[in-house]
C-alpha atoms as a PDB file:
ATOM      1  CA  SER A   1      15.058  -6.185  -6.314  1.00  0.00           C
ATOM      2  CA  GLY A   2      17.809  -4.436  -8.021  1.00  0.00           C
ATOM      3  CA  GLY A   3      15.854  -2.662 -10.375  1.00  0.00           C
ATOM      4  CA  PRO A   4      13.608   0.461  -9.783  1.00  0.00           C
ATOM      5  CA  ALA A   5      10.424  -0.324  -7.781  1.00  0.00           C
ATOM      6  CA  THR A   6       7.000  -0.493  -9.484  1.00  0.00           C
ATOM      7  CA  VAL A   7       3.566   0.519  -8.561  1.00  0.00           C
ATOM      8  CA  GLY A   8       0.605  -1.002 -10.626  1.00  0.00           C
ATOM      9  CA  VAL A   9      -2.781  -2.223 -10.130  1.00  0.00           C
ATOM     10  CA  ALA A  10      -4.532  -5.399  -9.986  1.00  0.00           C
ATOM     11  CA  THR A  11      -8.011  -6.593  -9.153  1.00  0.00           C
ATOM     12  CA  THR A  12      -8.433  -8.363  -5.987  1.00  0.00           C
ATOM     13  CA  GLY A  13     -11.583  -9.033  -3.942  1.00  0.00           C
ATOM     14  CA  LEU A  14     -11.118  -5.636  -2.438  1.00  0.00           C
ATOM     15  CA  GLY A  15     -11.449  -4.100  -6.043  1.00  0.00           C
ATOM     16  CA  LYS A  16      -8.825  -2.582  -8.016  1.00  0.00           C
ATOM     17  CA  ILE A  17      -5.556  -1.965  -5.626  1.00  0.00           C
ATOM     18  CA  LEU A  18      -1.896  -1.174  -6.000  1.00  0.00           C
ATOM     19  CA  VAL A  19       0.433  -3.791  -5.944  1.00  0.00           C
ATOM     20  CA  ASP A  20       4.613  -4.083  -6.558  1.00  0.00           C
ATOM     21  CA  SER A  21       5.965  -5.605  -9.828  1.00  0.00           C
ATOM     22  CA  THR A  22       5.378  -9.137  -8.524  1.00  0.00           C
ATOM     23  CA  GLY A  23       1.682  -8.583  -7.676  1.00  0.00           C
ATOM     24  CA  ARG A  24       2.281  -8.021  -4.026  1.00  0.00           C
ATOM     25  CA  THR A  25      -0.357  -6.259  -2.175  1.00  0.00           C
ATOM     26  CA  LEU A  26       0.851  -2.165  -1.497  1.00  0.00           C
ATOM     27  CA  TYR A  27      -0.222  -0.942   2.182  1.00  0.00           C
ATOM     28  CA  LEU A  28      -0.446   2.109   3.840  1.00  0.00           C
ATOM     29  CA  PHE A  29       0.126   3.228   7.447  1.00  0.00           C
ATOM     30  CA  LYS A  30      -2.291   5.150   9.260  1.00  0.00           C
ATOM     31  CA  LYS A  31       0.593   6.315  11.694  1.00  0.00           C
ATOM     32  CA  ASP A  32       2.366   7.865   9.020  1.00  0.00           C
ATOM     33  CA  SER A  33       2.629  11.307   8.915  1.00  0.00           C
ATOM     34  CA  GLY A  34       2.507  12.927   5.477  1.00  0.00           C
ATOM     35  CA  THR A  35       5.273  11.403   3.855  1.00  0.00           C
ATOM     36  CA  ARG A  36       7.308  10.384   7.026  1.00  0.00           C
ATOM     37  CA  SER A  37       7.305   6.619   7.846  1.00  0.00           C
ATOM     38  CA  ALA A  38       6.413   5.642  11.538  1.00  0.00           C
ATOM     39  CA  CYS A  39       7.358   2.011  10.951  1.00  0.00           C
ATOM     40  CA  SER A  40      10.965   1.045  11.514  1.00  0.00           C
ATOM     41  CA  GLY A  41      13.102  -1.861  13.237  1.00  0.00           C
ATOM     42  CA  ALA A  42      10.342  -4.483  14.216  1.00  0.00           C
ATOM     43  CA  CYS A  43       7.820  -2.867  12.278  1.00  0.00           C
ATOM     44  CA  ALA A  44       9.646  -2.628   9.276  1.00  0.00           C
ATOM     45  CA  SER A  45      10.374  -6.512   9.743  1.00  0.00           C
ATOM     46  CA  ALA A  46       6.698  -7.252   9.354  1.00  0.00           C
ATOM     47  CA  TRP A  47       5.689  -4.579   7.049  1.00  0.00           C
ATOM     48  CA  PRO A  48       8.672  -3.972   4.667  1.00  0.00           C
ATOM     49  CA  PRO A  49       9.048  -0.821   3.213  1.00  0.00           C
ATOM     50  CA  VAL A  50       8.901  -0.429  -0.766  1.00  0.00           C
ATOM     51  CA  ARG A  51      12.595   0.842  -1.480  1.00  0.00           C
ATOM     52  CA  ALA A  52      13.330   2.738  -4.295  1.00  0.00           C
ATOM     53  CA  ASN A  53      16.675   2.032  -6.488  1.00  0.00           C
ATOM     54  CA  GLY A  54      16.056   4.790  -9.029  1.00  0.00           C
ATOM     55  CA  LYS A  55      12.971   6.520 -10.178  1.00  0.00           C
ATOM     56  CA  PRO A  56      10.203   4.374  -9.195  1.00  0.00           C
ATOM     57  CA  THR A  57       8.131   3.323 -12.767  1.00  0.00           C
ATOM     58  CA  VAL A  58       4.354   3.075 -13.134  1.00  0.00           C
ATOM     59  CA  GLY A  59       2.514  -0.155 -14.168  1.00  0.00           C
ATOM     60  CA  PRO A  60      -1.033  -0.149 -15.914  1.00  0.00           C
ATOM     61  CA  GLY A  61      -3.544   1.580 -13.899  1.00  0.00           C
ATOM     62  CA  ALA A  62      -1.239   3.345 -11.411  1.00  0.00           C
ATOM     63  CA  ASN A  63      -1.273   7.280 -11.910  1.00  0.00           C
ATOM     64  CA  ALA A  64       2.309   8.372 -12.535  1.00  0.00           C
ATOM     65  CA  SER A  65       1.743  11.870 -10.991  1.00  0.00           C
ATOM     66  CA  LEU A  66       1.249  10.194  -7.548  1.00  0.00           C
ATOM     67  CA  VAL A  67       4.328   8.386  -7.490  1.00  0.00           C
ATOM     68  CA  GLY A  68       7.106   9.467  -5.494  1.00  0.00           C
ATOM     69  CA  THR A  69       9.744   8.661  -3.102  1.00  0.00           C
ATOM     70  CA  THR A  70      10.738   9.860   0.767  1.00  0.00           C
ATOM     71  CA  ALA A  71      13.787   9.659   2.767  1.00  0.00           C
ATOM     72  CA  ARG A  72      13.415   7.197   5.611  1.00  0.00           C
ATOM     73  CA  SER A  73      15.210   7.567   8.910  1.00  0.00           C
ATOM     74  CA  ASP A  74      18.143   5.728   7.640  1.00  0.00           C
ATOM     75  CA  GLY A  75      18.189   8.126   4.599  1.00  0.00           C
ATOM     76  CA  THR A  76      17.090   5.431   2.089  1.00  0.00           C
ATOM     77  CA  PRO A  77      14.438   6.164  -0.242  1.00  0.00           C
ATOM     78  CA  GLN A  78      11.015   4.786   0.148  1.00  0.00           C
ATOM     79  CA  VAL A  79       8.188   4.681  -2.614  1.00  0.00           C
ATOM     80  CA  THR A  80       5.382   6.983  -2.156  1.00  0.00           C
ATOM     81  CA  TYR A  81       1.834   7.003  -3.681  1.00  0.00           C
ATOM     82  CA  ASN A  82      -0.427  10.161  -3.342  1.00  0.00           C
ATOM     83  CA  GLY A  83       1.994  11.154  -0.333  1.00  0.00           C
ATOM     84  CA  HIS A  84       1.847   7.722   1.658  1.00  0.00           C
ATOM     85  CA  PRO A  85       4.908   5.896   1.979  1.00  0.00           C
ATOM     86  CA  LEU A  86       4.104   2.346   0.775  1.00  0.00           C
ATOM     87  CA  TYR A  87       4.959  -1.179   2.469  1.00  0.00           C
ATOM     88  CA  LEU A  88       4.667  -5.049   1.776  1.00  0.00           C
ATOM     89  CA  TYR A  89       3.249  -7.628   4.607  1.00  0.00           C
ATOM     90  CA  GLN A  90       5.288 -10.437   5.443  1.00  0.00           C
ATOM     91  CA  GLY A  91       2.005 -12.318   6.034  1.00  0.00           C
ATOM     92  CA  ASP A  92       1.080 -12.212   2.228  1.00  0.00           C
ATOM     93  CA  GLU A  93       2.519 -15.377   0.673  1.00  0.00           C
ATOM     94  CA  LYS A  94       1.487 -14.882  -3.002  1.00  0.00           C
ATOM     95  CA  PRO A  95       0.637 -12.286  -5.443  1.00  0.00           C
ATOM     96  CA  GLY A  96      -3.338 -11.100  -4.879  1.00  0.00           C
ATOM     97  CA  ASP A  97      -2.897 -12.052  -1.021  1.00  0.00           C
ATOM     98  CA  THR A  98      -4.615  -9.439   1.447  1.00  0.00           C
ATOM     99  CA  THR A  99      -4.173 -10.599   4.638  1.00  0.00           C
ATOM    100  CA  GLY A 100      -2.701  -7.341   5.900  1.00  0.00           C
ATOM    101  CA  GLN A 101      -6.175  -5.259   5.373  1.00  0.00           C
ATOM    102  CA  GLY A 102      -7.450  -3.820   8.233  1.00  0.00           C
ATOM    103  CA  LEU A 103      -4.906  -4.940  10.743  1.00  0.00           C
ATOM    104  CA  THR A 104      -3.926  -2.740  13.642  1.00  0.00           C
ATOM    105  CA  ALA A 105      -0.331  -3.377  14.482  1.00  0.00           C
ATOM    106  CA  PHE A 106       2.261  -1.372  15.881  1.00  0.00           C
ATOM    107  CA  GLY A 107      -0.043   1.127  16.679  1.00  0.00           C
ATOM    108  CA  ALA A 108      -2.328   1.785  14.136  1.00  0.00           C
ATOM    109  CA  PRO A 109      -4.293   0.243  10.884  1.00  0.00           C
ATOM    110  CA  TRP A 110      -2.771  -0.902   7.671  1.00  0.00           C
ATOM    111  CA  TRP A 111      -5.174  -0.264   4.448  1.00  0.00           C
ATOM    112  CA  VAL A 112      -4.669  -1.333   1.000  1.00  0.00           C
ATOM    113  CA  LEU A 113      -4.777   1.474  -1.658  1.00  0.00           C
ATOM    114  CA  SER A 114      -7.117   2.305  -4.783  1.00  0.00           C
ATOM    115  CA  PRO A 115      -5.592   3.748  -7.887  1.00  0.00           C
ATOM    116  CA  ALA A 116      -6.741   6.918  -6.832  1.00  0.00           C
ATOM    117  CA  GLY A 117      -4.558   7.142  -3.645  1.00  0.00           C
ATOM    118  CA  ASN A 118      -7.158   6.616  -0.880  1.00  0.00           C
ATOM    119  CA  GLN A 119      -7.235   3.883   1.690  1.00  0.00           C
ATOM    120  CA  VAL A 120      -9.693   0.960   1.002  1.00  0.00           C
ATOM    121  CA  THR A 121     -11.009   0.247   4.343  1.00  0.00           C
ATOM    122  CA  GLY A 122     -13.403  -2.768   3.037  1.00  0.00           C
ATOM    123  CA  GLN A 123     -12.754  -6.348   3.805  1.00  0.00           C
ATOM    124  CA  ALA A 124     -12.479  -8.755   0.973  1.00  0.00           C
ATOM    125  CA  SER A 125     -15.132 -11.071   2.722  1.00  0.00           C
ATOM    126  CA  SER A 126     -17.985  -8.477   2.248  1.00  0.00           C
ATOM    127  CA  SER A 127     -19.801  -7.985  -0.856  1.00  0.00           C
ATOM    128  CA  GLY A 128     -18.249  -5.004  -2.462  1.00  0.00           C
ATOM    129  CA  GLY A 129     -21.033  -3.208  -4.175  1.00  0.00           C
ATOM    130  CA  GLY A 130     -22.446   0.302  -3.806  1.00  0.00           C
ATOM    131  CA  GLY A 131     -22.266   0.267   0.262  1.00  0.00           C
ATOM    132  CA  SER A 132     -25.580   1.950   0.366  1.00  0.00           C
ATOM    133  CA  SER A 133     -26.857  -1.094   2.130  1.00  0.00           C
ATOM    134  CA  TYR A 134     -24.560  -0.293   5.095  1.00  0.00           C
ATOM    135  CA  GLY A 135     -25.778   3.194   5.758  1.00  0.00           C
ATOM    136  CA  GLY A 136     -22.817   5.199   4.959  1.00  0.00           C
ATOM    137  CA  GLY A 137     -23.608   6.854   1.345  1.00  0.00           C
ATOM    138  CA  TYR A 138     -26.572   8.862   1.319  1.00  0.00           C
END
């Protein structure tokens, strides 16, 4: 805190995902509409918005052209990636934790993001191989 937010990439059980400068997992909220956050009050206590103090910086593996900010309802800036407002999860206790992955809370699911800026819907407990064995691919 105090400096600009950083968006970087870490390799986890879910593959390569977006993290903040301390390695904490970043999430998107499916209830958000475009860059407008639908998470405030109790939601923002459980899922703290990633705040921007100045221009967000980009760590290795993240795409600088996908990083931006959006104004929250209180006027403060929130970091976005590929148009998704970004959040942390209070249930994640240490860098690399992804305990918020796939949770449905405050009316919609929460997902980690890939470096391409897309939601990752897998679970860390499953084998993250090609996915063809699950019937989705071909």
